[in-house]
Every structure is written in structure tokens, then in C-alpha cells.
Amino acid sequence: MFKSRGMNLLFILMVLVIIGTVAAFFIMSSMNRSEEPVKDPNIDEIVKDLTVDTGEITTNIKGDHFIKLDFNIQVSNKDAKAELTKRSFQVKNAVIYTVSGMTPSDLQDQQGLNKLETMIKVKINSFLKSGTVTHVYTTEKIVQ
């Protein structure tokens, strides 16, 4: 092929590397396709297996006001639900700490409520070990 024996060896080595790379690509892509697709849970599974109700939480907020809240927290798996149920005192603590620094005007509109739900989700995920919080739903909110 080439006059130099070293060039022949280099050419063969490059061809083998290219073939190996292509083979690795096809093997990896076929492994990814064989995984079972992630299935979204239906509403019955969400309510029964993936949701924890915090119960009513009443606390004071800035400006001599009170707030009464209730959340349903959806988690990623059954183990996370069991753990979150055991950690209910930490959830209530996270909610109280989060809202205690807020004013009634912070909680009046949808953006404020969305921000509160996001903050609670982040705080709970910081101590949850067996899964993650996927959604926080506010089921009751009264500001006085």
C-alpha cells in the first residue's frame, strides 16, 4: 500500500479506531433504546402512591398577619412518599421558615404563590433522600 511500513501500520490503526468508534456508537445507542420508557403516573397512582398532605399549617408572617396553608406534595416514587410522611415535622418547619419572612403582598398573586411552592420544593428536596419532590400543590391559603 504505502512505501513505508510505519505508514501502513498507522493507516491500519486509524481504520481500526474508526471502526471501533462506530461500533461503540451503535452499541450505546441500542442500549439506550432498549430501556423501558418512563411512564407518567395516572391520577389514581398520584393520589394513592405519590402524594402527601401536609395538613393545615397556621403561622404568623411579617406585619402582624397570619397565614393558614395546606399543601399536597407529590414525590417521584413510593419510597419518597414513605420518607416524606416520616419527615412531616421537617416539612412543616420548612413551610413555617419560608413564609415567616414573607409579607401578605408577597402571597396575594399567582406569582407569589408559585414562588412559595418552588421555595418549599427546593427546601424539601434538600433533605429528602429516597426520591424528589416533583410538585407542590397549594390546596388552601388564607391570609389575615
C-alpha atoms as a PDB file:
ATOM      1  CA  MET A   1       0.000   0.000   0.000  1.00  0.00           C
ATOM      2  CA  PHE A   2       2.373   2.689   1.251  1.00  0.00           C
ATOM      3  CA  LYS A   3       6.129   2.560   0.747  1.00  0.00           C
ATOM      4  CA  SER A   4       6.815   2.926   4.445  1.00  0.00           C
ATOM      5  CA  ARG A   5       5.945   0.112   6.804  1.00  0.00           C
ATOM      6  CA  GLY A   6       5.184   2.693   9.561  1.00  0.00           C
ATOM      7  CA  MET A   7       2.615   4.455   7.348  1.00  0.00           C
ATOM      8  CA  ASN A   8       0.876   1.135   6.642  1.00  0.00           C
ATOM      9  CA  LEU A   9       0.699   0.416  10.358  1.00  0.00           C
ATOM     10  CA  LEU A  10      -0.625   3.927  11.096  1.00  0.00           C
ATOM     11  CA  PHE A  11      -3.276   3.624   8.367  1.00  0.00           C
ATOM     12  CA  ILE A  12      -4.467   0.249   9.667  1.00  0.00           C
ATOM     13  CA  LEU A  13      -4.565   1.612  13.239  1.00  0.00           C
ATOM     14  CA  MET A  14      -6.670   4.612  12.141  1.00  0.00           C
ATOM     15  CA  VAL A  15      -9.129   2.347  10.308  1.00  0.00           C
ATOM     16  CA  LEU A  16      -9.453   0.132  13.402  1.00  0.00           C
ATOM     17  CA  VAL A  17     -10.091   3.168  15.645  1.00  0.00           C
ATOM     18  CA  ILE A  18     -12.801   4.432  13.287  1.00  0.00           C
ATOM     19  CA  ILE A  19     -14.465   1.020  13.127  1.00  0.00           C
ATOM     20  CA  GLY A  20     -14.284   0.700  16.928  1.00  0.00           C
ATOM     21  CA  THR A  21     -15.819   4.158  17.411  1.00  0.00           C
ATOM     22  CA  VAL A  22     -18.685   3.399  15.040  1.00  0.00           C
ATOM     23  CA  ALA A  23     -19.313   0.028  16.722  1.00  0.00           C
ATOM     24  CA  ALA A  24     -19.308   1.655  20.203  1.00  0.00           C
ATOM     25  CA  PHE A  25     -21.775   4.279  18.996  1.00  0.00           C
ATOM     26  CA  PHE A  26     -24.219   1.649  17.717  1.00  0.00           C
ATOM     27  CA  ILE A  27     -23.892  -0.459  20.855  1.00  0.00           C
ATOM     28  CA  MET A  28     -24.542   2.524  23.126  1.00  0.00           C
ATOM     29  CA  SER A  29     -27.482   3.762  21.068  1.00  0.00           C
ATOM     30  CA  SER A  30     -29.092   0.311  21.048  1.00  0.00           C
ATOM     31  CA  MET A  31     -28.711   0.086  24.835  1.00  0.00           C
ATOM     32  CA  ASN A  32     -30.493   3.423  25.257  1.00  0.00           C
ATOM     33  CA  ARG A  33     -33.375   2.315  23.053  1.00  0.00           C
ATOM     34  CA  SER A  34     -33.854  -0.939  24.950  1.00  0.00           C
ATOM     35  CA  GLU A  35     -34.567   0.881  28.226  1.00  0.00           C
ATOM     36  CA  GLU A  36     -38.235   0.993  29.108  1.00  0.00           C
ATOM     37  CA  PRO A  37     -39.737   4.410  28.533  1.00  0.00           C
ATOM     38  CA  VAL A  38     -40.661   6.437  31.613  1.00  0.00           C
ATOM     39  CA  LYS A  39     -44.388   6.252  32.116  1.00  0.00           C
ATOM     40  CA  ASP A  40     -46.335   9.140  33.567  1.00  0.00           C
ATOM     41  CA  PRO A  41     -48.415   8.033  36.532  1.00  0.00           C
ATOM     42  CA  ASN A  42     -52.187   8.282  36.223  1.00  0.00           C
ATOM     43  CA  ILE A  43     -54.246  10.310  38.702  1.00  0.00           C
ATOM     44  CA  ASP A  44     -55.089   7.281  40.857  1.00  0.00           C
ATOM     45  CA  GLU A  45     -51.395   6.430  41.278  1.00  0.00           C
ATOM     46  CA  ILE A  46     -50.577  10.057  42.051  1.00  0.00           C
ATOM     47  CA  VAL A  47     -53.224  10.347  44.758  1.00  0.00           C
ATOM     48  CA  LYS A  48     -52.680   6.921  46.306  1.00  0.00           C
ATOM     49  CA  ASP A  49     -48.937   6.340  45.977  1.00  0.00           C
ATOM     50  CA  LEU A  50     -47.174   9.646  45.345  1.00  0.00           C
ATOM     51  CA  THR A  51     -48.910  12.425  47.291  1.00  0.00           C
ATOM     52  CA  VAL A  52     -48.549  13.535  50.909  1.00  0.00           C
ATOM     53  CA  ASP A  53     -50.913  16.049  52.524  1.00  0.00           C
ATOM     54  CA  THR A  54     -49.206  18.406  54.960  1.00  0.00           C
ATOM     55  CA  GLY A  55     -52.333  19.139  56.911  1.00  0.00           C
ATOM     56  CA  GLU A  56     -53.270  22.632  57.986  1.00  0.00           C
ATOM     57  CA  ILE A  57     -50.320  24.873  58.882  1.00  0.00           C
ATOM     58  CA  THR A  58     -51.052  28.192  60.592  1.00  0.00           C
ATOM     59  CA  THR A  59     -48.307  30.681  61.412  1.00  0.00           C
ATOM     60  CA  ASN A  60     -47.611  34.377  61.585  1.00  0.00           C
ATOM     61  CA  ILE A  61     -45.962  36.346  58.806  1.00  0.00           C
ATOM     62  CA  LYS A  62     -44.462  39.825  58.560  1.00  0.00           C
ATOM     63  CA  GLY A  63     -46.632  42.766  59.531  1.00  0.00           C
ATOM     64  CA  ASP A  64     -48.702  41.128  62.316  1.00  0.00           C
ATOM     65  CA  HIS A  65     -50.593  38.909  59.891  1.00  0.00           C
ATOM     66  CA  PHE A  66     -51.394  35.216  59.984  1.00  0.00           C
ATOM     67  CA  ILE A  67     -51.499  32.668  57.221  1.00  0.00           C
ATOM     68  CA  LYS A  68     -53.218  29.298  57.055  1.00  0.00           C
ATOM     69  CA  LEU A  69     -51.829  26.915  54.447  1.00  0.00           C
ATOM     70  CA  ASP A  70     -52.361  23.362  53.301  1.00  0.00           C
ATOM     71  CA  PHE A  71     -50.257  21.611  50.657  1.00  0.00           C
ATOM     72  CA  ASN A  72     -50.307  18.340  48.757  1.00  0.00           C
ATOM     73  CA  ILE A  73     -46.767  17.348  47.897  1.00  0.00           C
ATOM     74  CA  GLN A  74     -46.180  14.961  45.003  1.00  0.00           C
ATOM     75  CA  VAL A  75     -42.993  12.896  45.045  1.00  0.00           C
ATOM     76  CA  SER A  76     -41.213  10.772  42.465  1.00  0.00           C
ATOM     77  CA  ASN A  77     -41.721   7.304  43.989  1.00  0.00           C
ATOM     78  CA  LYS A  78     -43.342   5.295  46.797  1.00  0.00           C
ATOM     79  CA  ASP A  79     -40.186   5.238  48.916  1.00  0.00           C
ATOM     80  CA  ALA A  80     -40.044   9.020  48.821  1.00  0.00           C
ATOM     81  CA  LYS A  81     -43.675   9.163  49.979  1.00  0.00           C
ATOM     82  CA  ALA A  82     -42.901   6.942  52.961  1.00  0.00           C
ATOM     83  CA  GLU A  83     -39.861   9.045  53.824  1.00  0.00           C
ATOM     84  CA  LEU A  84     -41.753  12.318  53.418  1.00  0.00           C
ATOM     85  CA  THR A  85     -44.525  11.050  55.688  1.00  0.00           C
ATOM     86  CA  LYS A  86     -41.942  10.315  58.386  1.00  0.00           C
ATOM     87  CA  ARG A  87     -40.350  13.738  57.858  1.00  0.00           C
ATOM     88  CA  SER A  88     -43.636  15.651  58.177  1.00  0.00           C
ATOM     89  CA  PHE A  89     -42.220  17.713  61.048  1.00  0.00           C
ATOM     90  CA  GLN A  90     -39.370  18.864  58.789  1.00  0.00           C
ATOM     91  CA  VAL A  91     -41.846  19.745  56.038  1.00  0.00           C
ATOM     92  CA  LYS A  92     -43.898  21.875  58.424  1.00  0.00           C
ATOM     93  CA  ASN A  93     -40.712  23.512  59.676  1.00  0.00           C
ATOM     94  CA  ALA A  94     -39.638  24.311  56.104  1.00  0.00           C
ATOM     95  CA  VAL A  95     -43.032  25.853  55.353  1.00  0.00           C
ATOM     96  CA  ILE A  96     -43.017  27.961  58.533  1.00  0.00           C
ATOM     97  CA  TYR A  97     -39.478  29.218  57.923  1.00  0.00           C
ATOM     98  CA  THR A  98     -40.300  30.037  54.318  1.00  0.00           C
ATOM     99  CA  VAL A  99     -43.498  32.001  54.933  1.00  0.00           C
ATOM    100  CA  SER A 100     -42.320  33.746  58.096  1.00  0.00           C
ATOM    101  CA  GLY A 101     -40.156  36.070  56.017  1.00  0.00           C
ATOM    102  CA  MET A 102     -42.942  36.935  53.571  1.00  0.00           C
ATOM    103  CA  THR A 103     -45.500  39.717  53.618  1.00  0.00           C
ATOM    104  CA  PRO A 104     -49.188  39.416  52.700  1.00  0.00           C
ATOM    105  CA  SER A 105     -48.497  41.204  49.423  1.00  0.00           C
ATOM    106  CA  ASP A 106     -45.875  38.551  48.564  1.00  0.00           C
ATOM    107  CA  LEU A 107     -48.610  35.912  48.725  1.00  0.00           C
ATOM    108  CA  GLN A 108     -51.550  37.669  47.067  1.00  0.00           C
ATOM    109  CA  ASP A 109     -50.975  36.870  43.392  1.00  0.00           C
ATOM    110  CA  GLN A 110     -50.186  33.744  41.383  1.00  0.00           C
ATOM    111  CA  GLN A 111     -46.521  34.651  41.003  1.00  0.00           C
ATOM    112  CA  GLY A 112     -46.083  34.885  44.763  1.00  0.00           C
ATOM    113  CA  LEU A 113     -47.819  31.557  45.294  1.00  0.00           C
ATOM    114  CA  ASN A 114     -45.732  29.932  42.563  1.00  0.00           C
ATOM    115  CA  LYS A 115     -42.569  31.315  44.178  1.00  0.00           C
ATOM    116  CA  LEU A 116     -43.649  29.929  47.569  1.00  0.00           C
ATOM    117  CA  GLU A 117     -44.324  26.478  46.087  1.00  0.00           C
ATOM    118  CA  THR A 118     -40.920  26.493  44.363  1.00  0.00           C
ATOM    119  CA  MET A 119     -39.109  27.525  47.544  1.00  0.00           C
ATOM    120  CA  ILE A 120     -40.818  24.771  49.531  1.00  0.00           C
ATOM    121  CA  LYS A 121     -39.985  22.216  46.843  1.00  0.00           C
ATOM    122  CA  VAL A 122     -36.294  23.187  46.949  1.00  0.00           C
ATOM    123  CA  LYS A 123     -36.156  23.049  50.756  1.00  0.00           C
ATOM    124  CA  ILE A 124     -37.820  19.637  50.940  1.00  0.00           C
ATOM    125  CA  ASN A 125     -35.589  18.232  48.196  1.00  0.00           C
ATOM    126  CA  SER A 126     -32.560  19.325  50.232  1.00  0.00           C
ATOM    127  CA  PHE A 127     -33.340  16.753  52.959  1.00  0.00           C
ATOM    128  CA  LEU A 128     -35.283  14.087  51.037  1.00  0.00           C
ATOM    129  CA  LYS A 129     -33.008  11.093  50.330  1.00  0.00           C
ATOM    130  CA  SER A 130     -35.089   8.408  48.602  1.00  0.00           C
ATOM    131  CA  GLY A 131     -36.608  10.491  45.804  1.00  0.00           C
ATOM    132  CA  THR A 132     -37.534  14.030  44.860  1.00  0.00           C
ATOM    133  CA  VAL A 133     -40.485  16.360  45.130  1.00  0.00           C
ATOM    134  CA  THR A 134     -41.992  16.787  41.673  1.00  0.00           C
ATOM    135  CA  HIS A 135     -44.839  19.204  42.505  1.00  0.00           C
ATOM    136  CA  VAL A 136     -46.124  21.214  45.436  1.00  0.00           C
ATOM    137  CA  TYR A 137     -49.832  21.981  45.202  1.00  0.00           C
ATOM    138  CA  THR A 138     -51.403  24.643  47.406  1.00  0.00           C
ATOM    139  CA  THR A 139     -54.814  23.339  48.436  1.00  0.00           C
ATOM    140  CA  GLU A 140     -55.670  26.081  50.935  1.00  0.00           C
ATOM    141  CA  LYS A 141     -54.350  29.590  51.572  1.00  0.00           C
ATOM    142  CA  ILE A 142     -55.881  32.194  53.858  1.00  0.00           C
ATOM    143  CA  VAL A 143     -54.029  35.387  54.773  1.00  0.00           C
ATOM    144  CA  GLN A 144     -55.388  37.530  57.623  1.00  0.00           C
END
